[in-house]
Amino acid sequence: MMVNDDKVCANYMAIISNTTIMTVLQLLQMMTVFGIRLISVSQPGTVEARA
């Protein structure tokens, strides 16, 4: 029983860590997109010049 419990616990930890990594990456991506939009709104001239 103990070995099985350890395996289940390890699987849950792996799933939790993977989910956390994905969530952090999604949050970073959203923050980056939001930041780019914020910059483009506050500085329309420079963005038009770049594009």
PDB file of N, CA and C in Angstrom:
ATOM      1  N   MET A   1       0.833  -1.213   0.000  1.00  0.00           N
ATOM      2  CA  MET A   1       0.000   0.000   0.000  1.00  0.00           C
ATOM      3  C   MET A   1       0.866   1.262   0.000  1.00  0.00           C
ATOM      4  N   MET A   2       1.915   1.256   0.805  1.00  0.00           N
ATOM      5  CA  MET A   2       2.752   2.456   0.919  1.00  0.00           C
ATOM      6  C   MET A   2       3.390   2.809  -0.426  1.00  0.00           C
ATOM      7  N   VAL A   3       3.854   1.798  -1.154  1.00  0.00           N
ATOM      8  CA  VAL A   3       4.500   2.066  -2.438  1.00  0.00           C
ATOM      9  C   VAL A   3       3.490   2.681  -3.393  1.00  0.00           C
ATOM     10  N   ASN A   4       2.275   2.133  -3.426  1.00  0.00           N
ATOM     11  CA  ASN A   4       1.243   2.661  -4.308  1.00  0.00           C
ATOM     12  C   ASN A   4       0.905   4.101  -3.927  1.00  0.00           C
ATOM     13  N   ASP A   5       0.780   4.372  -2.635  1.00  0.00           N
ATOM     14  CA  ASP A   5       0.468   5.733  -2.187  1.00  0.00           C
ATOM     15  C   ASP A   5       1.574   6.692  -2.624  1.00  0.00           C
ATOM     16  N   ASP A   6       2.826   6.259  -2.510  1.00  0.00           N
ATOM     17  CA  ASP A   6       3.938   7.129  -2.915  1.00  0.00           C
ATOM     18  C   ASP A   6       3.860   7.417  -4.412  1.00  0.00           C
ATOM     19  N   LYS A   7       3.535   6.414  -5.206  1.00  0.00           N
ATOM     20  CA  LYS A   7       3.442   6.619  -6.657  1.00  0.00           C
ATOM     21  C   LYS A   7       2.319   7.603  -6.980  1.00  0.00           C
ATOM     22  N   VAL A   8       1.172   7.423  -6.327  1.00  0.00           N
ATOM     23  CA  VAL A   8       0.039   8.324  -6.569  1.00  0.00           C
ATOM     24  C   VAL A   8       0.423   9.742  -6.174  1.00  0.00           C
ATOM     25  N   CYS A   9       1.091   9.877  -5.036  1.00  0.00           N
ATOM     26  CA  CYS A   9       1.502  11.204  -4.566  1.00  0.00           C
ATOM     27  C   CYS A   9       2.467  11.831  -5.568  1.00  0.00           C
ATOM     28  N   ALA A  10       3.409  11.050  -6.081  1.00  0.00           N
ATOM     29  CA  ALA A  10       4.380  11.567  -7.050  1.00  0.00           C
ATOM     30  C   ALA A  10       3.665  11.995  -8.327  1.00  0.00           C
ATOM     31  N   ASN A  11       2.679  11.193  -8.756  1.00  0.00           N
ATOM     32  CA  ASN A  11       1.928  11.553  -9.969  1.00  0.00           C
ATOM     33  C   ASN A  11       1.181  12.861  -9.760  1.00  0.00           C
ATOM     34  N   TYR A  12       0.545  13.002  -8.596  1.00  0.00           N
ATOM     35  CA  TYR A  12      -0.184  14.235  -8.328  1.00  0.00           C
ATOM     36  C   TYR A  12       0.776  15.427  -8.306  1.00  0.00           C
ATOM     37  N   MET A  13       1.929  15.247  -7.703  1.00  0.00           N
ATOM     38  CA  MET A  13       2.903  16.347  -7.644  1.00  0.00           C
ATOM     39  C   MET A  13       3.346  16.736  -9.048  1.00  0.00           C
ATOM     40  N   ALA A  14       3.572  15.748  -9.910  1.00  0.00           N
ATOM     41  CA  ALA A  14       4.001  16.034 -11.284  1.00  0.00           C
ATOM     42  C   ALA A  14       2.897  16.782 -12.031  1.00  0.00           C
ATOM     43  N   ILE A  15       1.644  16.331 -11.854  1.00  0.00           N
ATOM     44  CA  ILE A  15       0.521  16.993 -12.531  1.00  0.00           C
ATOM     45  C   ILE A  15       0.389  18.428 -12.037  1.00  0.00           C
ATOM     46  N   ILE A  16       0.489  18.607 -10.719  1.00  0.00           N
ATOM     47  CA  ILE A  16       0.345  19.946 -10.138  1.00  0.00           C
ATOM     48  C   ILE A  16       1.456  20.864 -10.646  1.00  0.00           C
ATOM     49  N   SER A  17       2.698  20.359 -10.662  1.00  0.00           N
ATOM     50  CA  SER A  17       3.823  21.192 -11.103  1.00  0.00           C
ATOM     51  C   SER A  17       3.680  21.550 -12.577  1.00  0.00           C
ATOM     52  N   ASN A  18       3.251  20.584 -13.400  1.00  0.00           N
ATOM     53  CA  ASN A  18       3.065  20.866 -14.834  1.00  0.00           C
ATOM     54  C   ASN A  18       1.970  21.901 -15.028  1.00  0.00           C
ATOM     55  N   THR A  19       0.870  21.754 -14.283  1.00  0.00           N
ATOM     56  CA  THR A  19      -0.234  22.703 -14.409  1.00  0.00           C
ATOM     57  C   THR A  19       0.216  24.089 -13.970  1.00  0.00           C
ATOM     58  N   THR A  20       1.004  24.146 -12.897  1.00  0.00           N
ATOM     59  CA  THR A  20       1.483  25.440 -12.400  1.00  0.00           C
ATOM     60  C   THR A  20       2.373  26.106 -13.442  1.00  0.00           C
ATOM     61  N   ILE A  21       3.264  25.335 -14.056  1.00  0.00           N
ATOM     62  CA  ILE A  21       4.166  25.891 -15.076  1.00  0.00           C
ATOM     63  C   ILE A  21       3.350  26.437 -16.248  1.00  0.00           C
ATOM     64  N   MET A  22       2.355  25.669 -16.703  1.00  0.00           N
ATOM     65  CA  MET A  22       1.530  26.115 -17.825  1.00  0.00           C
ATOM     66  C   MET A  22       0.767  27.387 -17.462  1.00  0.00           C
ATOM     67  N   THR A  23       0.245  27.435 -16.231  1.00  0.00           N
ATOM     68  CA  THR A  23      -0.515  28.614 -15.805  1.00  0.00           C
ATOM     69  C   THR A  23       0.397  29.837 -15.762  1.00  0.00           C
ATOM     70  N   VAL A  24       1.612  29.664 -15.236  1.00  0.00           N
ATOM     71  CA  VAL A  24       2.549  30.794 -15.155  1.00  0.00           C
ATOM     72  C   VAL A  24       2.896  31.276 -16.564  1.00  0.00           C
ATOM     73  N   LEU A  25       3.133  30.333 -17.477  1.00  0.00           N
ATOM     74  CA  LEU A  25       3.473  30.726 -18.851  1.00  0.00           C
ATOM     75  C   LEU A  25       2.313  31.476 -19.500  1.00  0.00           C
ATOM     76  N   GLN A  26       1.079  30.994 -19.264  1.00  0.00           N
ATOM     77  CA  GLN A  26      -0.083  31.680 -19.837  1.00  0.00           C
ATOM     78  C   GLN A  26      -0.205  33.075 -19.258  1.00  0.00           C
ATOM     79  N   LEU A  27       0.033  33.217 -17.944  1.00  0.00           N
ATOM     80  CA  LEU A  27      -0.062  34.539 -17.314  1.00  0.00           C
ATOM     81  C   LEU A  27       0.994  35.471 -17.892  1.00  0.00           C
ATOM     82  N   LEU A  28       2.210  34.972 -18.074  1.00  0.00           N
ATOM     83  CA  LEU A  28       3.275  35.795 -18.654  1.00  0.00           C
ATOM     84  C   LEU A  28       2.899  36.224 -20.066  1.00  0.00           C
ATOM     85  N   GLN A  29       2.350  35.281 -20.843  1.00  0.00           N
ATOM     86  CA  GLN A  29       1.955  35.604 -22.222  1.00  0.00           C
ATOM     87  C   GLN A  29       0.878  36.681 -22.223  1.00  0.00           C
ATOM     88  N   MET A  30      -0.114  36.535 -21.338  1.00  0.00           N
ATOM     89  CA  MET A  30      -1.195  37.517 -21.265  1.00  0.00           C
ATOM     90  C   MET A  30      -0.646  38.878 -20.850  1.00  0.00           C
ATOM     91  N   MET A  31       0.277  38.885 -19.866  1.00  0.00           N
ATOM     92  CA  MET A  31       0.859  40.151 -19.413  1.00  0.00           C
ATOM     93  C   MET A  31       1.632  40.806 -20.553  1.00  0.00           C
ATOM     94  N   THR A  32       2.361  40.003 -21.335  1.00  0.00           N
ATOM     95  CA  THR A  32       3.133  40.552 -22.454  1.00  0.00           C
ATOM     96  C   THR A  32       2.210  41.170 -23.492  1.00  0.00           C
ATOM     97  N   VAL A  33       1.142  40.453 -23.842  1.00  0.00           N
ATOM     98  CA  VAL A  33       0.194  40.976 -24.832  1.00  0.00           C
ATOM     99  C   VAL A  33      -0.461  42.244 -24.307  1.00  0.00           C
ATOM    100  N   PHE A  34      -0.852  42.215 -23.033  1.00  0.00           N
ATOM    101  CA  PHE A  34      -1.490  43.392 -22.444  1.00  0.00           C
ATOM    102  C   PHE A  34      -0.525  44.576 -22.424  1.00  0.00           C
ATOM    103  N   GLY A  35       0.745  44.296 -22.110  1.00  0.00           N
ATOM    104  CA  GLY A  35       1.753  45.355 -22.088  1.00  0.00           C
ATOM    105  C   GLY A  35       1.958  45.947 -23.472  1.00  0.00           C
ATOM    106  N   ILE A  36       1.995  45.086 -24.495  1.00  0.00           N
ATOM    107  CA  ILE A  36       2.171  45.586 -25.868  1.00  0.00           C
ATOM    108  C   ILE A  36       0.985  46.456 -26.254  1.00  0.00           C
ATOM    109  N   ARG A  37      -0.225  46.019 -25.902  1.00  0.00           N
ATOM    110  CA  ARG A  37      -1.415  46.821 -26.226  1.00  0.00           C
ATOM    111  C   ARG A  37      -1.367  48.150 -25.485  1.00  0.00           C
ATOM    112  N   LEU A  38      -0.939  48.110 -24.220  1.00  0.00           N
ATOM    113  CA  LEU A  38      -0.865  49.334 -23.419  1.00  0.00           C
ATOM    114  C   LEU A  38       0.127  50.300 -24.066  1.00  0.00           C
ATOM    115  N   ILE A  39       1.280  49.767 -24.496  1.00  0.00           N
ATOM    116  CA  ILE A  39       2.299  50.621 -25.126  1.00  0.00           C
ATOM    117  C   ILE A  39       1.769  51.182 -26.451  1.00  0.00           C
ATOM    118  N   SER A  40       1.093  50.336 -27.216  1.00  0.00           N
ATOM    119  CA  SER A  40       0.592  50.791 -28.524  1.00  0.00           C
ATOM    120  C   SER A  40      -0.490  51.846 -28.340  1.00  0.00           C
ATOM    121  N   VAL A  41      -1.269  51.746 -27.260  1.00  0.00           N
ATOM    122  CA  VAL A  41      -2.305  52.751 -27.011  1.00  0.00           C
ATOM    123  C   VAL A  41      -1.672  54.057 -26.557  1.00  0.00           C
ATOM    124  N   SER A  42      -0.656  53.955 -25.685  1.00  0.00           N
ATOM    125  CA  SER A  42      -0.048  55.166 -25.142  1.00  0.00           C
ATOM    126  C   SER A  42       0.904  55.816 -26.148  1.00  0.00           C
ATOM    127  N   GLN A  43       1.465  55.020 -27.078  1.00  0.00           N
ATOM    128  CA  GLN A  43       2.405  55.556 -28.070  1.00  0.00           C
ATOM    129  C   GLN A  43       2.010  55.078 -29.466  1.00  0.00           C
ATOM    130  N   PRO A  44       0.953  55.602 -30.033  1.00  0.00           N
ATOM    131  CA  PRO A  44       0.525  55.133 -31.359  1.00  0.00           C
ATOM    132  C   PRO A  44       1.509  55.497 -32.461  1.00  0.00           C
ATOM    133  N   GLY A  45       2.202  56.632 -32.320  1.00  0.00           N
ATOM    134  CA  GLY A  45       3.112  57.079 -33.366  1.00  0.00           C
ATOM    135  C   GLY A  45       4.274  56.119 -33.554  1.00  0.00           C
ATOM    136  N   THR A  46       4.920  55.705 -32.445  1.00  0.00           N
ATOM    137  CA  THR A  46       6.094  54.837 -32.553  1.00  0.00           C
ATOM    138  C   THR A  46       5.703  53.479 -33.101  1.00  0.00           C
ATOM    139  N   VAL A  47       4.526  52.976 -32.707  1.00  0.00           N
ATOM    140  CA  VAL A  47       4.101  51.664 -33.203  1.00  0.00           C
ATOM    141  C   VAL A  47       3.837  51.728 -34.695  1.00  0.00           C
ATOM    142  N   GLU A  48       3.204  52.797 -35.161  1.00  0.00           N
ATOM    143  CA  GLU A  48       2.951  52.943 -36.594  1.00  0.00           C
ATOM    144  C   GLU A  48       4.270  53.057 -37.351  1.00  0.00           C
ATOM    145  N   ALA A  49       5.250  53.744 -36.771  1.00  0.00           N
ATOM    146  CA  ALA A  49       6.548  53.887 -37.425  1.00  0.00           C
ATOM    147  C   ALA A  49       7.238  52.530 -37.512  1.00  0.00           C
ATOM    148  N   ARG A  50       7.117  51.723 -36.449  1.00  0.00           N
ATOM    149  CA  ARG A  50       7.751  50.398 -36.464  1.00  0.00           C
ATOM    150  C   ARG A  50       7.063  49.492 -37.478  1.00  0.00           C
ATOM    151  N   ALA A  51       5.746  49.526 -37.531  1.00  0.00           N
ATOM    152  CA  ALA A  51       4.993  48.590 -38.381  1.00  0.00           C
ATOM    153  C   ALA A  51       5.066  48.961 -39.856  1.00  0.00           C
TER     154      ALA A  51
END
